[in-house]
Amino acid sequence: MKKEELIQKVTEMKDAASCCPEAKEACEAYLASVGTEKEEAALKALYQELAEDVNDIDGFIAYVGSKTGPEAEAAVAAGREAKKNGATYCLCPACQAGGWILDHQNDFLK
């Protein structure tokens, strides 16, 4: 894995409308630390925050299933299909990027 891939995914997560404020702050702190002596600590803090904020596919299905209407039904169906195909994270852009970051943490932590 290249650090550029990590930076791209962190930026995607930060810029996603579905990114919560705490995760956005952790993303921004990591991006500001790249290339400095604070980078490793900021990356660890980012992973800790994402472990708390990134939702799994079952949580996504439950959340959208608590809503009503055709959009909610379509989202539940999409979530179930994604789960059937091996998805483990919520389908929103922030969780998709955050899930990738979490899945690759051993590639970037020393």
N, C-alpha and C. Protein backbone atom coordinates (compact mmCIF):
# COMPACT_ATOMS: atom_id res chain seq x y z
N MET A 1 0.83 -1.18 0.00
CA MET A 1 0.00 0.00 0.00
C MET A 1 0.87 1.25 0.00
N LYS A 2 0.42 2.22 -0.71
CA LYS A 2 1.14 3.49 -0.74
C LYS A 2 0.43 4.50 0.14
N LYS A 3 1.20 5.37 0.75
CA LYS A 3 0.64 6.40 1.60
C LYS A 3 -0.33 7.29 0.83
N GLU A 4 -0.10 7.46 -0.47
CA GLU A 4 -1.00 8.28 -1.27
C GLU A 4 -2.41 7.71 -1.28
N GLU A 5 -2.52 6.36 -1.26
CA GLU A 5 -3.84 5.73 -1.21
C GLU A 5 -4.54 6.06 0.12
N LEU A 6 -3.78 5.99 1.20
CA LEU A 6 -4.33 6.32 2.51
C LEU A 6 -4.79 7.78 2.54
N ILE A 7 -3.96 8.67 2.06
CA ILE A 7 -4.31 10.09 2.04
C ILE A 7 -5.57 10.32 1.21
N GLN A 8 -5.69 9.63 0.08
CA GLN A 8 -6.88 9.76 -0.76
C GLN A 8 -8.13 9.30 -0.02
N LYS A 9 -8.06 8.17 0.68
CA LYS A 9 -9.22 7.65 1.41
C LYS A 9 -9.58 8.54 2.60
N VAL A 10 -8.57 9.06 3.29
CA VAL A 10 -8.83 9.97 4.41
C VAL A 10 -9.52 11.23 3.88
N THR A 11 -9.07 11.72 2.76
CA THR A 11 -9.68 12.91 2.15
C THR A 11 -11.11 12.61 1.71
N GLU A 12 -11.33 11.43 1.11
CA GLU A 12 -12.69 11.04 0.71
C GLU A 12 -13.62 11.01 1.92
N MET A 13 -13.13 10.43 3.01
CA MET A 13 -13.96 10.35 4.20
C MET A 13 -14.27 11.74 4.73
N LYS A 14 -13.24 12.56 4.86
CA LYS A 14 -13.39 13.92 5.39
C LYS A 14 -14.40 14.72 4.57
N ASP A 15 -14.38 14.54 3.26
CA ASP A 15 -15.23 15.32 2.38
C ASP A 15 -16.64 14.75 2.20
N ALA A 16 -16.88 13.55 2.70
CA ALA A 16 -18.20 12.92 2.56
C ALA A 16 -19.23 13.65 3.42
N ALA A 17 -20.37 13.90 2.86
CA ALA A 17 -21.45 14.57 3.61
C ALA A 17 -21.88 13.72 4.80
N SER A 18 -21.67 12.42 4.73
CA SER A 18 -22.09 11.52 5.81
C SER A 18 -21.05 11.38 6.92
N CYS A 19 -19.95 12.08 6.81
CA CYS A 19 -18.89 12.00 7.83
C CYS A 19 -19.29 12.81 9.06
N CYS A 20 -19.22 12.17 10.23
CA CYS A 20 -19.57 12.87 11.47
C CYS A 20 -18.47 13.88 11.83
N PRO A 21 -18.79 14.87 12.64
CA PRO A 21 -17.81 15.91 12.97
C PRO A 21 -16.53 15.37 13.63
N GLU A 22 -16.67 14.38 14.51
CA GLU A 22 -15.49 13.84 15.19
C GLU A 22 -14.54 13.13 14.22
N ALA A 23 -15.10 12.36 13.30
CA ALA A 23 -14.26 11.68 12.31
C ALA A 23 -13.64 12.70 11.36
N LYS A 24 -14.41 13.71 10.98
CA LYS A 24 -13.88 14.76 10.10
C LYS A 24 -12.69 15.45 10.76
N GLU A 25 -12.82 15.76 12.05
CA GLU A 25 -11.74 16.39 12.79
C GLU A 25 -10.49 15.49 12.83
N ALA A 26 -10.69 14.20 13.07
CA ALA A 26 -9.56 13.27 13.10
C ALA A 26 -8.90 13.15 11.73
N CYS A 27 -9.71 13.17 10.68
CA CYS A 27 -9.16 13.14 9.31
C CYS A 27 -8.32 14.38 9.05
N GLU A 28 -8.86 15.53 9.41
CA GLU A 28 -8.14 16.79 9.18
C GLU A 28 -6.84 16.82 9.97
N ALA A 29 -6.88 16.33 11.21
CA ALA A 29 -5.66 16.30 12.03
C ALA A 29 -4.61 15.40 11.42
N TYR A 30 -5.04 14.24 10.91
CA TYR A 30 -4.08 13.35 10.26
C TYR A 30 -3.49 14.02 9.02
N LEU A 31 -4.33 14.55 8.18
CA LEU A 31 -3.84 15.18 6.94
C LEU A 31 -2.87 16.31 7.23
N ALA A 32 -3.13 17.08 8.28
CA ALA A 32 -2.23 18.18 8.65
C ALA A 32 -0.90 17.67 9.20
N SER A 33 -0.89 16.43 9.69
CA SER A 33 0.32 15.88 10.30
C SER A 33 1.23 15.14 9.33
N VAL A 34 0.73 14.86 8.13
CA VAL A 34 1.51 14.06 7.18
C VAL A 34 2.87 14.71 6.94
N GLY A 35 3.90 13.89 7.09
CA GLY A 35 5.26 14.36 6.88
C GLY A 35 5.90 15.01 8.10
N THR A 36 5.19 14.99 9.22
CA THR A 36 5.74 15.58 10.44
C THR A 36 5.97 14.49 11.48
N GLU A 37 6.57 14.87 12.59
CA GLU A 37 6.82 13.93 13.68
C GLU A 37 5.51 13.53 14.38
N LYS A 38 4.43 14.24 14.11
CA LYS A 38 3.14 13.95 14.74
C LYS A 38 2.28 12.98 13.92
N GLU A 39 2.78 12.57 12.76
CA GLU A 39 1.97 11.75 11.85
C GLU A 39 1.54 10.42 12.47
N GLU A 40 2.45 9.70 13.07
CA GLU A 40 2.12 8.38 13.64
C GLU A 40 1.04 8.51 14.72
N ALA A 41 1.17 9.48 15.60
CA ALA A 41 0.19 9.68 16.67
C ALA A 41 -1.17 10.07 16.09
N ALA A 42 -1.16 10.92 15.09
CA ALA A 42 -2.40 11.35 14.45
C ALA A 42 -3.08 10.19 13.73
N LEU A 43 -2.29 9.32 13.13
CA LEU A 43 -2.84 8.15 12.45
C LEU A 43 -3.46 7.19 13.47
N LYS A 44 -2.79 6.99 14.58
CA LYS A 44 -3.36 6.13 15.63
C LYS A 44 -4.66 6.72 16.16
N ALA A 45 -4.70 8.02 16.35
CA ALA A 45 -5.91 8.68 16.82
C ALA A 45 -7.03 8.55 15.78
N LEU A 46 -6.67 8.64 14.51
CA LEU A 46 -7.65 8.47 13.44
C LEU A 46 -8.24 7.07 13.49
N TYR A 47 -7.38 6.06 13.61
CA TYR A 47 -7.88 4.68 13.67
C TYR A 47 -8.80 4.48 14.87
N GLN A 48 -8.44 5.07 15.99
CA GLN A 48 -9.28 4.94 17.18
C GLN A 48 -10.65 5.57 16.94
N GLU A 49 -10.66 6.74 16.35
CA GLU A 49 -11.93 7.42 16.07
C GLU A 49 -12.77 6.63 15.08
N LEU A 50 -12.13 6.11 14.04
CA LEU A 50 -12.88 5.37 13.04
C LEU A 50 -13.45 4.08 13.60
N ALA A 51 -12.73 3.45 14.52
CA ALA A 51 -13.23 2.22 15.15
C ALA A 51 -14.54 2.51 15.88
N GLU A 52 -14.71 3.73 16.37
CA GLU A 52 -15.93 4.12 17.07
C GLU A 52 -17.03 4.58 16.12
N ASP A 53 -16.65 5.15 14.98
CA ASP A 53 -17.62 5.83 14.11
C ASP A 53 -18.07 5.06 12.88
N VAL A 54 -17.23 4.21 12.34
CA VAL A 54 -17.58 3.51 11.10
C VAL A 54 -18.59 2.41 11.44
N ASN A 55 -19.72 2.45 10.76
CA ASN A 55 -20.80 1.49 11.01
C ASN A 55 -20.65 0.26 10.12
N ASP A 56 -21.08 -0.86 10.67
CA ASP A 56 -21.05 -2.09 9.87
C ASP A 56 -22.33 -2.20 9.04
N ILE A 57 -22.37 -3.17 8.17
CA ILE A 57 -23.50 -3.32 7.24
C ILE A 57 -24.79 -3.63 7.99
N ASP A 58 -24.70 -4.40 9.07
CA ASP A 58 -25.91 -4.71 9.83
C ASP A 58 -26.48 -3.46 10.49
N GLY A 59 -25.61 -2.59 10.98
CA GLY A 59 -26.06 -1.33 11.55
C GLY A 59 -26.72 -0.45 10.50
N PHE A 60 -26.15 -0.45 9.31
CA PHE A 60 -26.74 0.31 8.20
C PHE A 60 -28.14 -0.20 7.89
N ILE A 61 -28.27 -1.53 7.76
CA ILE A 61 -29.57 -2.12 7.43
C ILE A 61 -30.59 -1.80 8.52
N ALA A 62 -30.18 -1.91 9.78
CA ALA A 62 -31.09 -1.60 10.88
C ALA A 62 -31.49 -0.13 10.86
N TYR A 63 -30.53 0.75 10.62
CA TYR A 63 -30.82 2.19 10.61
C TYR A 63 -31.80 2.54 9.49
N VAL A 64 -31.50 2.14 8.27
CA VAL A 64 -32.40 2.50 7.17
C VAL A 64 -33.71 1.74 7.27
N GLY A 65 -33.70 0.57 7.91
CA GLY A 65 -34.93 -0.18 8.12
C GLY A 65 -35.85 0.48 9.13
N SER A 66 -35.32 1.38 9.94
CA SER A 66 -36.15 2.08 10.91
C SER A 66 -36.90 3.25 10.28
N LYS A 67 -36.58 3.55 9.03
CA LYS A 67 -37.24 4.63 8.29
C LYS A 67 -38.40 4.05 7.49
N THR A 68 -39.24 4.91 6.94
CA THR A 68 -40.34 4.46 6.10
C THR A 68 -40.25 5.09 4.72
N GLY A 69 -40.91 4.47 3.79
CA GLY A 69 -40.99 5.01 2.44
C GLY A 69 -40.14 4.24 1.45
N PRO A 70 -40.32 4.56 0.18
CA PRO A 70 -39.64 3.83 -0.89
C PRO A 70 -38.12 3.96 -0.86
N GLU A 71 -37.61 5.12 -0.45
CA GLU A 71 -36.16 5.30 -0.38
C GLU A 71 -35.57 4.39 0.69
N ALA A 72 -36.25 4.28 1.82
CA ALA A 72 -35.79 3.41 2.90
C ALA A 72 -35.83 1.95 2.46
N GLU A 73 -36.90 1.56 1.80
CA GLU A 73 -37.02 0.18 1.31
C GLU A 73 -35.90 -0.13 0.32
N ALA A 74 -35.60 0.81 -0.56
CA ALA A 74 -34.54 0.61 -1.53
C ALA A 74 -33.18 0.51 -0.84
N ALA A 75 -32.98 1.31 0.20
CA ALA A 75 -31.71 1.28 0.93
C ALA A 75 -31.55 -0.04 1.68
N VAL A 76 -32.63 -0.54 2.27
CA VAL A 76 -32.57 -1.84 2.95
C VAL A 76 -32.22 -2.93 1.94
N ALA A 77 -32.88 -2.91 0.79
CA ALA A 77 -32.60 -3.91 -0.24
C ALA A 77 -31.15 -3.82 -0.70
N ALA A 78 -30.66 -2.60 -0.88
CA ALA A 78 -29.26 -2.42 -1.30
C ALA A 78 -28.32 -2.94 -0.22
N GLY A 79 -28.63 -2.67 1.04
CA GLY A 79 -27.80 -3.15 2.13
C GLY A 79 -27.78 -4.66 2.21
N ARG A 80 -28.94 -5.28 2.08
CA ARG A 80 -29.00 -6.75 2.12
C ARG A 80 -28.24 -7.37 0.95
N GLU A 81 -28.38 -6.78 -0.21
CA GLU A 81 -27.65 -7.29 -1.38
C GLU A 81 -26.15 -7.13 -1.19
N ALA A 82 -25.74 -5.97 -0.67
CA ALA A 82 -24.32 -5.74 -0.43
C ALA A 82 -23.78 -6.73 0.59
N LYS A 83 -24.56 -6.99 1.64
CA LYS A 83 -24.13 -7.96 2.65
C LYS A 83 -24.00 -9.35 2.05
N LYS A 84 -24.96 -9.71 1.24
CA LYS A 84 -24.93 -11.01 0.56
C LYS A 84 -23.67 -11.15 -0.29
N ASN A 85 -23.22 -10.03 -0.83
CA ASN A 85 -22.03 -10.03 -1.69
C ASN A 85 -20.74 -9.78 -0.92
N GLY A 86 -20.82 -9.80 0.42
CA GLY A 86 -19.61 -9.72 1.23
C GLY A 86 -19.29 -8.38 1.85
N ALA A 87 -20.15 -7.39 1.68
CA ALA A 87 -19.89 -6.07 2.27
C ALA A 87 -19.92 -6.19 3.79
N THR A 88 -19.03 -5.46 4.43
CA THR A 88 -18.98 -5.47 5.89
C THR A 88 -19.28 -4.11 6.49
N TYR A 89 -19.25 -3.05 5.67
CA TYR A 89 -19.44 -1.70 6.19
C TYR A 89 -20.69 -1.06 5.60
N CYS A 90 -21.20 -0.10 6.35
CA CYS A 90 -22.29 0.75 5.91
C CYS A 90 -22.01 1.24 4.48
N LEU A 91 -23.06 1.49 3.73
CA LEU A 91 -22.90 1.87 2.32
C LEU A 91 -22.68 3.36 2.10
N CYS A 92 -22.72 4.18 3.15
CA CYS A 92 -22.50 5.61 2.94
C CYS A 92 -21.03 5.86 2.57
N PRO A 93 -20.76 6.94 1.86
CA PRO A 93 -19.39 7.23 1.43
C PRO A 93 -18.37 7.33 2.57
N ALA A 94 -18.78 7.91 3.69
CA ALA A 94 -17.84 8.04 4.81
C ALA A 94 -17.45 6.68 5.37
N CYS A 95 -18.43 5.81 5.58
CA CYS A 95 -18.13 4.49 6.13
C CYS A 95 -17.38 3.62 5.12
N GLN A 96 -17.66 3.78 3.85
CA GLN A 96 -16.93 3.02 2.85
C GLN A 96 -15.44 3.39 2.86
N ALA A 97 -15.16 4.68 2.89
CA ALA A 97 -13.76 5.12 2.95
C ALA A 97 -13.15 4.75 4.30
N GLY A 98 -13.90 4.98 5.38
CA GLY A 98 -13.40 4.64 6.71
C GLY A 98 -13.15 3.16 6.88
N GLY A 99 -14.00 2.34 6.30
CA GLY A 99 -13.79 0.90 6.36
C GLY A 99 -12.51 0.48 5.65
N TRP A 100 -12.25 1.10 4.52
CA TRP A 100 -11.00 0.81 3.80
C TRP A 100 -9.81 1.19 4.68
N ILE A 101 -9.89 2.34 5.31
CA ILE A 101 -8.80 2.80 6.17
C ILE A 101 -8.58 1.81 7.30
N LEU A 102 -9.67 1.39 7.95
CA LEU A 102 -9.54 0.42 9.04
C LEU A 102 -8.97 -0.91 8.56
N ASP A 103 -9.44 -1.36 7.41
CA ASP A 103 -8.97 -2.65 6.87
C ASP A 103 -7.49 -2.65 6.55
N HIS A 104 -6.92 -1.47 6.31
CA HIS A 104 -5.52 -1.37 5.91
C HIS A 104 -4.62 -0.79 6.99
N GLN A 105 -5.09 -0.75 8.23
CA GLN A 105 -4.29 -0.11 9.26
C GLN A 105 -2.94 -0.80 9.48
N ASN A 106 -2.88 -2.11 9.32
CA ASN A 106 -1.60 -2.80 9.50
C ASN A 106 -0.60 -2.47 8.40
N ASP A 107 -1.07 -1.93 7.30
CA ASP A 107 -0.18 -1.53 6.21
C ASP A 107 0.52 -0.21 6.50
N PHE A 108 -0.03 0.57 7.43
CA PHE A 108 0.49 1.92 7.64
C PHE A 108 1.03 2.19 9.03
N LEU A 109 0.60 1.41 10.01
CA LEU A 109 1.14 1.61 11.37
C LEU A 109 2.45 0.88 11.52
N LYS A 110 3.36 1.50 12.26
CA LYS A 110 4.67 0.89 12.48
C LYS A 110 4.61 -0.09 13.62
